[in-house]
Amino acid sequence: MYIYIMPAVKNSVYAHFSGETREIVNGHVVKDRAVNTDYDGKILHIDKRNNNTISHYDIKDKQLKTLLLRPTSKINLLERLSRDYHEKTKSHNKKSRKKKSH
């Protein structure tokens, strides 16, 4: 997997990501997947391979911003975390223990 993010021109961004995975069982490829993306600050180009099926997508900057700004939940992150990881707190009162004398 490779990710490159570098300034192409002053005040602009270029990003590249690619990754590939293969699942091999008994010497035979059963899953072969790859993705290659390029973002020039205006359009995100995505090339995807899933076994023998190849797909290409172009997402314009405005569409990309809309996707990224869309909330995934109506509840904000802090509330979701506190709901998901809410633990009942137990009060711990330290009682002094007397040592038994022998």
PDB file of N, CA and C in Angstrom:
ATOM      1  N   MET A   1       0.847  -1.150   0.000  1.00  0.00           N
ATOM      2  CA  MET A   1       0.000   0.000   0.000  1.00  0.00           C
ATOM      3  C   MET A   1       0.905   1.229   0.000  1.00  0.00           C
ATOM      4  N   TYR A   2       0.576   2.168  -0.856  1.00  0.00           N
ATOM      5  CA  TYR A   2       1.354   3.393  -0.967  1.00  0.00           C
ATOM      6  C   TYR A   2       0.425   4.595  -0.888  1.00  0.00           C
ATOM      7  N   ILE A   3       0.831   5.590  -0.135  1.00  0.00           N
ATOM      8  CA  ILE A   3       0.092   6.844  -0.064  1.00  0.00           C
ATOM      9  C   ILE A   3       1.093   7.976  -0.253  1.00  0.00           C
ATOM     10  N   TYR A   4       0.815   8.824  -1.220  1.00  0.00           N
ATOM     11  CA  TYR A   4       1.649   9.991  -1.459  1.00  0.00           C
ATOM     12  C   TYR A   4       0.761  11.229  -1.387  1.00  0.00           C
ATOM     13  N   ILE A   5       1.150  12.172  -0.572  1.00  0.00           N
ATOM     14  CA  ILE A   5       0.469  13.463  -0.530  1.00  0.00           C
ATOM     15  C   ILE A   5       1.562  14.506  -0.621  1.00  0.00           C
ATOM     16  N   MET A   6       1.489  15.317  -1.657  1.00  0.00           N
ATOM     17  CA  MET A   6       2.542  16.302  -1.850  1.00  0.00           C
ATOM     18  C   MET A   6       1.960  17.559  -2.498  1.00  0.00           C
ATOM     19  N   PRO A   7       2.527  18.694  -2.169  1.00  0.00           N
ATOM     20  CA  PRO A   7       2.067  19.908  -2.832  1.00  0.00           C
ATOM     21  C   PRO A   7       2.512  19.917  -4.286  1.00  0.00           C
ATOM     22  N   ALA A   8       1.571  20.056  -5.202  1.00  0.00           N
ATOM     23  CA  ALA A   8       1.895  20.089  -6.630  1.00  0.00           C
ATOM     24  C   ALA A   8       2.249  21.506  -7.050  1.00  0.00           C
ATOM     25  N   VAL A   9       1.446  22.425  -6.648  1.00  0.00           N
ATOM     26  CA  VAL A   9       1.645  23.838  -6.929  1.00  0.00           C
ATOM     27  C   VAL A   9       1.286  24.559  -5.635  1.00  0.00           C
ATOM     28  N   LYS A  10       1.768  25.755  -5.449  1.00  0.00           N
ATOM     29  CA  LYS A  10       1.457  26.492  -4.244  1.00  0.00           C
ATOM     30  C   LYS A  10      -0.064  26.536  -4.024  1.00  0.00           C
ATOM     31  N   ASN A  11      -0.491  26.222  -2.795  1.00  0.00           N
ATOM     32  CA  ASN A  11      -1.903  26.203  -2.392  1.00  0.00           C
ATOM     33  C   ASN A  11      -2.725  25.135  -3.111  1.00  0.00           C
ATOM     34  N   SER A  12      -2.108  24.058  -3.567  1.00  0.00           N
ATOM     35  CA  SER A  12      -2.865  22.958  -4.155  1.00  0.00           C
ATOM     36  C   SER A  12      -2.340  21.646  -3.581  1.00  0.00           C
ATOM     37  N   VAL A  13      -3.118  20.593  -3.765  1.00  0.00           N
ATOM     38  CA  VAL A  13      -2.760  19.294  -3.202  1.00  0.00           C
ATOM     39  C   VAL A  13      -2.875  18.226  -4.270  1.00  0.00           C
ATOM     40  N   TYR A  14      -1.936  17.306  -4.245  1.00  0.00           N
ATOM     41  CA  TYR A  14      -2.012  16.112  -5.086  1.00  0.00           C
ATOM     42  C   TYR A  14      -1.861  14.922  -4.148  1.00  0.00           C
ATOM     43  N   ALA A  15      -2.713  13.932  -4.283  1.00  0.00           N
ATOM     44  CA  ALA A  15      -2.624  12.744  -3.439  1.00  0.00           C
ATOM     45  C   ALA A  15      -2.770  11.509  -4.306  1.00  0.00           C
ATOM     46  N   HIS A  16      -2.029  10.475  -3.933  1.00  0.00           N
ATOM     47  CA  HIS A  16      -2.094   9.201  -4.645  1.00  0.00           C
ATOM     48  C   HIS A  16      -2.148   8.090  -3.606  1.00  0.00           C
ATOM     49  N   PHE A  17      -3.009   7.124  -3.827  1.00  0.00           N
ATOM     50  CA  PHE A  17      -3.097   5.956  -2.959  1.00  0.00           C
ATOM     51  C   PHE A  17      -3.264   4.729  -3.828  1.00  0.00           C
ATOM     52  N   SER A  18      -2.571   3.670  -3.480  1.00  0.00           N
ATOM     53  CA  SER A  18      -2.790   2.404  -4.176  1.00  0.00           C
ATOM     54  C   SER A  18      -2.596   1.268  -3.191  1.00  0.00           C
ATOM     55  N   GLY A  19      -3.343   0.216  -3.407  1.00  0.00           N
ATOM     56  CA  GLY A  19      -3.237  -0.953  -2.548  1.00  0.00           C
ATOM     57  C   GLY A  19      -3.702  -2.185  -3.300  1.00  0.00           C
ATOM     58  N   GLU A  20      -3.193  -3.334  -2.883  1.00  0.00           N
ATOM     59  CA  GLU A  20      -3.531  -4.572  -3.567  1.00  0.00           C
ATOM     60  C   GLU A  20      -3.511  -5.710  -2.564  1.00  0.00           C
ATOM     61  N   THR A  21      -4.432  -6.655  -2.741  1.00  0.00           N
ATOM     62  CA  THR A  21      -4.463  -7.823  -1.881  1.00  0.00           C
ATOM     63  C   THR A  21      -4.851  -9.048  -2.699  1.00  0.00           C
ATOM     64  N   ARG A  22      -4.244 -10.155  -2.352  1.00  0.00           N
ATOM     65  CA  ARG A  22      -4.563 -11.427  -3.007  1.00  0.00           C
ATOM     66  C   ARG A  22      -4.740 -12.489  -1.947  1.00  0.00           C
ATOM     67  N   GLU A  23      -5.744 -13.322  -2.149  1.00  0.00           N
ATOM     68  CA  GLU A  23      -5.948 -14.465  -1.274  1.00  0.00           C
ATOM     69  C   GLU A  23      -5.664 -15.716  -2.090  1.00  0.00           C
ATOM     70  N   ILE A  24      -4.715 -16.496  -1.615  1.00  0.00           N
ATOM     71  CA  ILE A  24      -4.282 -17.694  -2.343  1.00  0.00           C
ATOM     72  C   ILE A  24      -4.563 -18.920  -1.483  1.00  0.00           C
ATOM     73  N   VAL A  25      -5.267 -19.886  -2.057  1.00  0.00           N
ATOM     74  CA  VAL A  25      -5.577 -21.137  -1.370  1.00  0.00           C
ATOM     75  C   VAL A  25      -5.046 -22.283  -2.218  1.00  0.00           C
ATOM     76  N   ASN A  26      -4.211 -23.099  -1.621  1.00  0.00           N
ATOM     77  CA  ASN A  26      -3.607 -24.246  -2.314  1.00  0.00           C
ATOM     78  C   ASN A  26      -2.941 -23.835  -3.632  1.00  0.00           C
ATOM     79  N   GLY A  27      -2.268 -22.703  -3.633  1.00  0.00           N
ATOM     80  CA  GLY A  27      -1.554 -22.261  -4.821  1.00  0.00           C
ATOM     81  C   GLY A  27      -2.406 -21.575  -5.871  1.00  0.00           C
ATOM     82  N   HIS A  28      -3.721 -21.421  -5.622  1.00  0.00           N
ATOM     83  CA  HIS A  28      -4.615 -20.781  -6.587  1.00  0.00           C
ATOM     84  C   HIS A  28      -5.140 -19.458  -6.019  1.00  0.00           C
ATOM     85  N   VAL A  29      -5.127 -18.431  -6.847  1.00  0.00           N
ATOM     86  CA  VAL A  29      -5.647 -17.128  -6.433  1.00  0.00           C
ATOM     87  C   VAL A  29      -7.167 -17.207  -6.418  1.00  0.00           C
ATOM     88  N   VAL A  30      -7.774 -16.984  -5.232  1.00  0.00           N
ATOM     89  CA  VAL A  30      -9.235 -17.021  -5.130  1.00  0.00           C
ATOM     90  C   VAL A  30      -9.824 -15.620  -5.027  1.00  0.00           C
ATOM     91  N   LYS A  31      -9.048 -14.660  -4.551  1.00  0.00           N
ATOM     92  CA  LYS A  31      -9.480 -13.258  -4.519  1.00  0.00           C
ATOM     93  C   LYS A  31      -8.302 -12.395  -4.931  1.00  0.00           C
ATOM     94  N   ASP A  32      -8.572 -11.457  -5.826  1.00  0.00           N
ATOM     95  CA  ASP A  32      -7.538 -10.559  -6.325  1.00  0.00           C
ATOM     96  C   ASP A  32      -8.148  -9.173  -6.408  1.00  0.00           C
ATOM     97  N   ARG A  33      -7.763  -8.308  -5.490  1.00  0.00           N
ATOM     98  CA  ARG A  33      -8.366  -6.976  -5.417  1.00  0.00           C
ATOM     99  C   ARG A  33      -7.282  -5.909  -5.403  1.00  0.00           C
ATOM    100  N   ALA A  34      -7.625  -4.770  -6.014  1.00  0.00           N
ATOM    101  CA  ALA A  34      -6.688  -3.649  -6.036  1.00  0.00           C
ATOM    102  C   ALA A  34      -7.460  -2.346  -6.169  1.00  0.00           C
ATOM    103  N   VAL A  35      -6.858  -1.269  -5.695  1.00  0.00           N
ATOM    104  CA  VAL A  35      -7.428   0.065  -5.856  1.00  0.00           C
ATOM    105  C   VAL A  35      -6.277   1.030  -6.141  1.00  0.00           C
ATOM    106  N   ASN A  36      -6.558   1.991  -6.992  1.00  0.00           N
ATOM    107  CA  ASN A  36      -5.588   3.015  -7.344  1.00  0.00           C
ATOM    108  C   ASN A  36      -6.339   4.338  -7.405  1.00  0.00           C
ATOM    109  N   THR A  37      -5.915   5.323  -6.631  1.00  0.00           N
ATOM    110  CA  THR A  37      -6.597   6.614  -6.641  1.00  0.00           C
ATOM    111  C   THR A  37      -5.593   7.734  -6.881  1.00  0.00           C
ATOM    112  N   ASP A  38      -6.071   8.768  -7.547  1.00  0.00           N
ATOM    113  CA  ASP A  38      -5.308   9.991  -7.747  1.00  0.00           C
ATOM    114  C   ASP A  38      -6.245  11.162  -7.502  1.00  0.00           C
ATOM    115  N   TYR A  39      -5.770  12.129  -6.734  1.00  0.00           N
ATOM    116  CA  TYR A  39      -6.552  13.340  -6.477  1.00  0.00           C
ATOM    117  C   TYR A  39      -5.687  14.538  -6.822  1.00  0.00           C
ATOM    118  N   ASP A  40      -6.186  15.369  -7.732  1.00  0.00           N
ATOM    119  CA  ASP A  40      -5.416  16.532  -8.179  1.00  0.00           C
ATOM    120  C   ASP A  40      -5.928  17.843  -7.588  1.00  0.00           C
ATOM    121  N   GLY A  41      -6.801  17.739  -6.584  1.00  0.00           N
ATOM    122  CA  GLY A  41      -7.380  18.936  -5.982  1.00  0.00           C
ATOM    123  C   GLY A  41      -8.692  19.330  -6.620  1.00  0.00           C
ATOM    124  N   LYS A  42      -9.037  18.706  -7.744  1.00  0.00           N
ATOM    125  CA  LYS A  42     -10.285  19.000  -8.443  1.00  0.00           C
ATOM    126  C   LYS A  42     -11.139  17.748  -8.624  1.00  0.00           C
ATOM    127  N   ILE A  43     -10.497  16.639  -8.981  1.00  0.00           N
ATOM    128  CA  ILE A  43     -11.220  15.393  -9.245  1.00  0.00           C
ATOM    129  C   ILE A  43     -10.472  14.230  -8.599  1.00  0.00           C
ATOM    130  N   LEU A  44     -11.227  13.361  -7.917  1.00  0.00           N
ATOM    131  CA  LEU A  44     -10.677  12.134  -7.366  1.00  0.00           C
ATOM    132  C   LEU A  44     -10.950  11.024  -8.371  1.00  0.00           C
ATOM    133  N   HIS A  45      -9.891  10.455  -8.920  1.00  0.00           N
ATOM    134  CA  HIS A  45     -10.006   9.356  -9.887  1.00  0.00           C
ATOM    135  C   HIS A  45      -9.774   8.052  -9.128  1.00  0.00           C
ATOM    136  N   ILE A  46     -10.704   7.127  -9.250  1.00  0.00           N
ATOM    137  CA  ILE A  46     -10.596   5.838  -8.560  1.00  0.00           C
ATOM    138  C   ILE A  46     -10.685   4.714  -9.583  1.00  0.00           C
ATOM    139  N   ASP A  47      -9.690   3.858  -9.599  1.00  0.00           N
ATOM    140  CA  ASP A  47      -9.706   2.633 -10.404  1.00  0.00           C
ATOM    141  C   ASP A  47      -9.711   1.469  -9.428  1.00  0.00           C
ATOM    142  N   LYS A  48     -10.661   0.566  -9.600  1.00  0.00           N
ATOM    143  CA  LYS A  48     -10.839  -0.537  -8.670  1.00  0.00           C
ATOM    144  C   LYS A  48     -10.902  -1.847  -9.440  1.00  0.00           C
ATOM    145  N   ARG A  49     -10.235  -2.875  -8.919  1.00  0.00           N
ATOM    146  CA  ARG A  49     -10.311  -4.204  -9.523  1.00  0.00           C
ATOM    147  C   ARG A  49     -10.758  -5.188  -8.454  1.00  0.00           C
ATOM    148  N   ASN A  50     -11.781  -5.960  -8.774  1.00  0.00           N
ATOM    149  CA  ASN A  50     -12.270  -7.013  -7.891  1.00  0.00           C
ATOM    150  C   ASN A  50     -12.306  -8.281  -8.733  1.00  0.00           C
ATOM    151  N   ASN A  51     -11.290  -9.121  -8.588  1.00  0.00           N
ATOM    152  CA  ASN A  51     -11.067 -10.285  -9.447  1.00  0.00           C
ATOM    153  C   ASN A  51     -10.982  -9.816 -10.892  1.00  0.00           C
ATOM    154  N   ASN A  52     -11.888 -10.194 -11.762  1.00  0.00           N
ATOM    155  CA  ASN A  52     -11.805  -9.787 -13.171  1.00  0.00           C
ATOM    156  C   ASN A  52     -12.673  -8.573 -13.494  1.00  0.00           C
ATOM    157  N   THR A  53     -13.307  -7.982 -12.497  1.00  0.00           N
ATOM    158  CA  THR A  53     -14.168  -6.823 -12.718  1.00  0.00           C
ATOM    159  C   THR A  53     -13.397  -5.542 -12.418  1.00  0.00           C
ATOM    160  N   ILE A  54     -13.327  -4.659 -13.420  1.00  0.00           N
ATOM    161  CA  ILE A  54     -12.623  -3.387 -13.268  1.00  0.00           C
ATOM    162  C   ILE A  54     -13.640  -2.253 -13.317  1.00  0.00           C
ATOM    163  N   SER A  55     -13.533  -1.319 -12.360  1.00  0.00           N
ATOM    164  CA  SER A  55     -14.441  -0.171 -12.297  1.00  0.00           C
ATOM    165  C   SER A  55     -13.632   1.111 -12.228  1.00  0.00           C
ATOM    166  N   HIS A  56     -14.192   2.186 -12.780  1.00  0.00           N
ATOM    167  CA  HIS A  56     -13.558   3.492 -12.722  1.00  0.00           C
ATOM    168  C   HIS A  56     -14.587   4.515 -12.253  1.00  0.00           C
ATOM    169  N   TYR A  57     -14.176   5.384 -11.342  1.00  0.00           N
ATOM    170  CA  TYR A  57     -15.056   6.439 -10.823  1.00  0.00           C
ATOM    171  C   TYR A  57     -14.305   7.754 -10.854  1.00  0.00           C
ATOM    172  N   ASP A  58     -15.016   8.820 -11.173  1.00  0.00           N
ATOM    173  CA  ASP A  58     -14.504  10.184 -11.060  1.00  0.00           C
ATOM    174  C   ASP A  58     -15.429  10.936 -10.111  1.00  0.00           C
ATOM    175  N   ILE A  59     -14.867  11.476  -9.048  1.00  0.00           N
ATOM    176  CA  ILE A  59     -15.660  12.244  -8.092  1.00  0.00           C
ATOM    177  C   ILE A  59     -15.117  13.662  -8.087  1.00  0.00           C
ATOM    178  N   LYS A  60     -15.975  14.612  -8.463  1.00  0.00           N
ATOM    179  CA  LYS A  60     -15.560  16.014  -8.506  1.00  0.00           C
ATOM    180  C   LYS A  60     -15.412  16.557  -7.096  1.00  0.00           C
ATOM    181  N   ASP A  61     -14.617  17.612  -6.976  1.00  0.00           N
ATOM    182  CA  ASP A  61     -14.302  18.206  -5.687  1.00  0.00           C
ATOM    183  C   ASP A  61     -15.549  18.558  -4.885  1.00  0.00           C
ATOM    184  N   LYS A  62     -16.542  19.136  -5.522  1.00  0.00           N
ATOM    185  CA  LYS A  62     -17.762  19.529  -4.822  1.00  0.00           C
ATOM    186  C   LYS A  62     -18.490  18.303  -4.268  1.00  0.00           C
ATOM    187  N   GLN A  63     -18.558  17.214  -5.070  1.00  0.00           N
ATOM    188  CA  GLN A  63     -19.195  15.977  -4.612  1.00  0.00           C
ATOM    189  C   GLN A  63     -18.399  15.363  -3.456  1.00  0.00           C
ATOM    190  N   LEU A  64     -17.085  15.417  -3.553  1.00  0.00           N
ATOM    191  CA  LEU A  64     -16.222  14.862  -2.519  1.00  0.00           C
ATOM    192  C   LEU A  64     -16.413  15.603  -1.198  1.00  0.00           C
ATOM    193  N   LYS A  65     -16.457  16.917  -1.249  1.00  0.00           N
ATOM    194  CA  LYS A  65     -16.678  17.703  -0.037  1.00  0.00           C
ATOM    195  C   LYS A  65     -18.022  17.378   0.577  1.00  0.00           C
ATOM    196  N   THR A  66     -19.051  17.217  -0.258  1.00  0.00           N
ATOM    197  CA  THR A  66     -20.382  16.868   0.240  1.00  0.00           C
ATOM    198  C   THR A  66     -20.355  15.517   0.951  1.00  0.00           C
ATOM    199  N   LEU A  67     -19.658  14.542   0.359  1.00  0.00           N
ATOM    200  CA  LEU A  67     -19.551  13.214   0.974  1.00  0.00           C
ATOM    201  C   LEU A  67     -18.810  13.271   2.309  1.00  0.00           C
ATOM    202  N   LEU A  68     -17.719  14.015   2.347  1.00  0.00           N
ATOM    203  CA  LEU A  68     -16.910  14.074   3.554  1.00  0.00           C
ATOM    204  C   LEU A  68     -17.564  14.888   4.667  1.00  0.00           C
ATOM    205  N   LEU A  69     -18.370  15.861   4.309  1.00  0.00           N
ATOM    206  CA  LEU A  69     -19.010  16.698   5.316  1.00  0.00           C
ATOM    207  C   LEU A  69     -20.330  16.122   5.826  1.00  0.00           C
ATOM    208  N   ARG A  70     -20.832  15.109   5.152  1.00  0.00           N
ATOM    209  CA  ARG A  70     -22.085  14.482   5.574  1.00  0.00           C
ATOM    210  C   ARG A  70     -21.854  13.718   6.869  1.00  0.00           C
ATOM    211  N   PRO A  71     -22.654  14.025   7.888  1.00  0.00           N
ATOM    212  CA  PRO A  71     -22.463  13.303   9.149  1.00  0.00           C
ATOM    213  C   PRO A  71     -22.872  11.838   8.994  1.00  0.00           C
ATOM    214  N   THR A  72     -22.103  10.958   9.593  1.00  0.00           N
ATOM    215  CA  THR A  72     -22.423   9.536   9.529  1.00  0.00           C
ATOM    216  C   THR A  72     -23.462   9.168  10.566  1.00  0.00           C
ATOM    217  N   SER A  73     -23.695  10.063  11.495  1.00  0.00           N
ATOM    218  CA  SER A  73     -24.662   9.810  12.548  1.00  0.00           C
ATOM    219  C   SER A  73     -25.267  11.136  12.980  1.00  0.00           C
ATOM    220  N   LYS A  74     -26.480  11.085  13.505  1.00  0.00           N
ATOM    221  CA  LYS A  74     -27.116  12.305  14.007  1.00  0.00           C
ATOM    222  C   LYS A  74     -26.561  12.689  15.373  1.00  0.00           C
ATOM    223  N   ILE A  75     -25.827  11.764  15.976  1.00  0.00           N
ATOM    224  CA  ILE A  75     -25.240  11.996  17.296  1.00  0.00           C
ATOM    225  C   ILE A  75     -23.768  12.358  17.107  1.00  0.00           C
ATOM    226  N   ASN A  76     -23.294  13.371  17.823  1.00  0.00           N
ATOM    227  CA  ASN A  76     -21.892  13.753  17.660  1.00  0.00           C
ATOM    228  C   ASN A  76     -20.964  12.689  18.241  1.00  0.00           C
ATOM    229  N   LEU A  77     -19.712  12.767  17.891  1.00  0.00           N
ATOM    230  CA  LEU A  77     -18.739  11.735  18.238  1.00  0.00           C
ATOM    231  C   LEU A  77     -18.614  11.540  19.745  1.00  0.00           C
ATOM    232  N   LEU A  78     -18.550  12.619  20.503  1.00  0.00           N
ATOM    233  CA  LEU A  78     -18.392  12.507  21.948  1.00  0.00           C
ATOM    234  C   LEU A  78     -19.566  11.756  22.573  1.00  0.00           C
ATOM    235  N   GLU A  79     -20.786  12.075  22.131  1.00  0.00           N
ATOM    236  CA  GLU A  79     -21.965  11.374  22.653  1.00  0.00           C
ATOM    237  C   GLU A  79     -21.944   9.897  22.268  1.00  0.00           C
ATOM    238  N   ARG A  80     -21.549   9.596  21.017  1.00  0.00           N
ATOM    239  CA  ARG A  80     -21.495   8.198  20.581  1.00  0.00           C
ATOM    240  C   ARG A  80     -20.481   7.408  21.394  1.00  0.00           C
ATOM    241  N   LEU A  81     -19.324   8.003  21.631  1.00  0.00           N
ATOM    242  CA  LEU A  81     -18.303   7.316  22.417  1.00  0.00           C
ATOM    243  C   LEU A  81     -18.765   7.074  23.845  1.00  0.00           C
ATOM    244  N   SER A  82     -19.396   8.073  24.439  1.00  0.00           N
ATOM    245  CA  SER A  82     -19.848   7.886  25.816  1.00  0.00           C
ATOM    246  C   SER A  82     -20.961   6.848  25.898  1.00  0.00           C
ATOM    247  N   ARG A  83     -21.800   6.753  24.872  1.00  0.00           N
ATOM    248  CA  ARG A  83     -22.840   5.709  24.846  1.00  0.00           C
ATOM    249  C   ARG A  83     -22.229   4.330  24.620  1.00  0.00           C
ATOM    250  N   ASP A  84     -21.285   4.246  23.684  1.00  0.00           N
ATOM    251  CA  ASP A  84     -20.697   2.954  23.353  1.00  0.00           C
ATOM    252  C   ASP A  84     -19.803   2.413  24.461  1.00  0.00           C
ATOM    253  N   TYR A  85     -19.101   3.288  25.145  1.00  0.00           N
ATOM    254  CA  TYR A  85     -18.135   2.846  26.143  1.00  0.00           C
ATOM    255  C   TYR A  85     -18.497   3.289  27.546  1.00  0.00           C
ATOM    256  N   HIS A  86     -19.770   3.506  27.769  1.00  0.00           N
ATOM    257  CA  HIS A  86     -20.226   3.923  29.092  1.00  0.00           C
ATOM    258  C   HIS A  86     -20.072   2.764  30.055  1.00  0.00           C
ATOM    259  N   GLU A  87     -19.338   3.002  31.087  1.00  0.00           N
ATOM    260  CA  GLU A  87     -19.167   1.996  32.123  1.00  0.00           C
ATOM    261  C   GLU A  87     -19.731   2.557  33.413  1.00  0.00           C
ATOM    262  N   LYS A  88     -20.424   1.705  34.107  1.00  0.00           N
ATOM    263  CA  LYS A  88     -20.932   2.143  35.396  1.00  0.00           C
ATOM    264  C   LYS A  88     -19.753   2.297  36.335  1.00  0.00           C
ATOM    265  N   THR A  89     -19.672   3.457  36.894  1.00  0.00           N
ATOM    266  CA  THR A  89     -18.558   3.685  37.807  1.00  0.00           C
ATOM    267  C   THR A  89     -18.955   3.230  39.194  1.00  0.00           C
ATOM    268  N   LYS A  90     -18.080   2.525  39.820  1.00  0.00           N
ATOM    269  CA  LYS A  90     -18.314   2.050  41.178  1.00  0.00           C
ATOM    270  C   LYS A  90     -17.534   2.944  42.103  1.00  0.00           C
ATOM    271  N   SER A  91     -18.177   3.287  43.190  1.00  0.00           N
ATOM    272  CA  SER A  91     -17.447   4.107  44.147  1.00  0.00           C
ATOM    273  C   SER A  91     -16.582   3.179  44.988  1.00  0.00           C
ATOM    274  N   HIS A  92     -15.378   3.557  45.118  1.00  0.00           N
ATOM    275  CA  HIS A  92     -14.423   2.767  45.890  1.00  0.00           C
ATOM    276  C   HIS A  92     -14.103   3.536  47.160  1.00  0.00           C
ATOM    277  N   ASN A  93     -14.623   3.043  48.241  1.00  0.00           N
ATOM    278  CA  ASN A  93     -14.299   3.647  49.529  1.00  0.00           C
ATOM    279  C   ASN A  93     -13.212   2.812  50.170  1.00  0.00           C
ATOM    280  N   LYS A  94     -12.136   3.442  50.457  1.00  0.00           N
ATOM    281  CA  LYS A  94     -11.041   2.723  51.113  1.00  0.00           C
ATOM    282  C   LYS A  94     -11.331   2.661  52.592  1.00  0.00           C
ATOM    283  N   LYS A  95     -11.433   1.467  53.081  1.00  0.00           N
ATOM    284  CA  LYS A  95     -11.635   1.279  54.499  1.00  0.00           C
ATOM    285  C   LYS A  95     -10.297   0.930  55.107  1.00  0.00           C
ATOM    286  N   SER A  96     -10.064   1.513  56.225  1.00  0.00           N
ATOM    287  CA  SER A  96      -8.808   1.182  56.864  1.00  0.00           C
ATOM    288  C   SER A  96      -8.948  -0.180  57.515  1.00  0.00           C
ATOM    289  N   ARG A  97      -7.999  -0.992  57.267  1.00  0.00           N
ATOM    290  CA  ARG A  97      -8.007  -2.327  57.836  1.00  0.00           C
ATOM    291  C   ARG A  97      -7.048  -2.354  59.009  1.00  0.00           C
ATOM    292  N   LYS A  98      -7.522  -2.948  60.038  1.00  0.00           N
ATOM    293  CA  LYS A  98      -6.650  -3.084  61.213  1.00  0.00           C
ATOM    294  C   LYS A  98      -5.865  -4.358  61.063  1.00  0.00           C
ATOM    295  N   LYS A  99      -4.605  -4.257  61.365  1.00  0.00           N
ATOM    296  CA  LYS A  99      -3.766  -5.429  61.302  1.00  0.00           C
ATOM    297  C   LYS A  99      -4.014  -6.255  62.565  1.00  0.00           C
ATOM    298  N   LYS A 100      -4.109  -7.537  62.322  1.00  0.00           N
ATOM    299  CA  LYS A 100      -4.296  -8.439  63.451  1.00  0.00           C
ATOM    300  C   LYS A 100      -2.956  -8.649  64.122  1.00  0.00           C
ATOM    301  N   SER A 101      -2.994  -8.552  65.405  1.00  0.00           N
ATOM    302  CA  SER A 101      -1.758  -8.808  66.138  1.00  0.00           C
ATOM    303  C   SER A 101      -1.729 -10.275  66.545  1.00  0.00           C
ATOM    304  N   HIS A 102      -0.611 -10.853  66.439  1.00  0.00           N
ATOM    305  CA  HIS A 102      -0.475 -12.285  66.769  1.00  0.00           C
ATOM    306  C   HIS A 102       0.019 -12.467  68.152  1.00  0.00           C
TER     307      HIS A 102
END
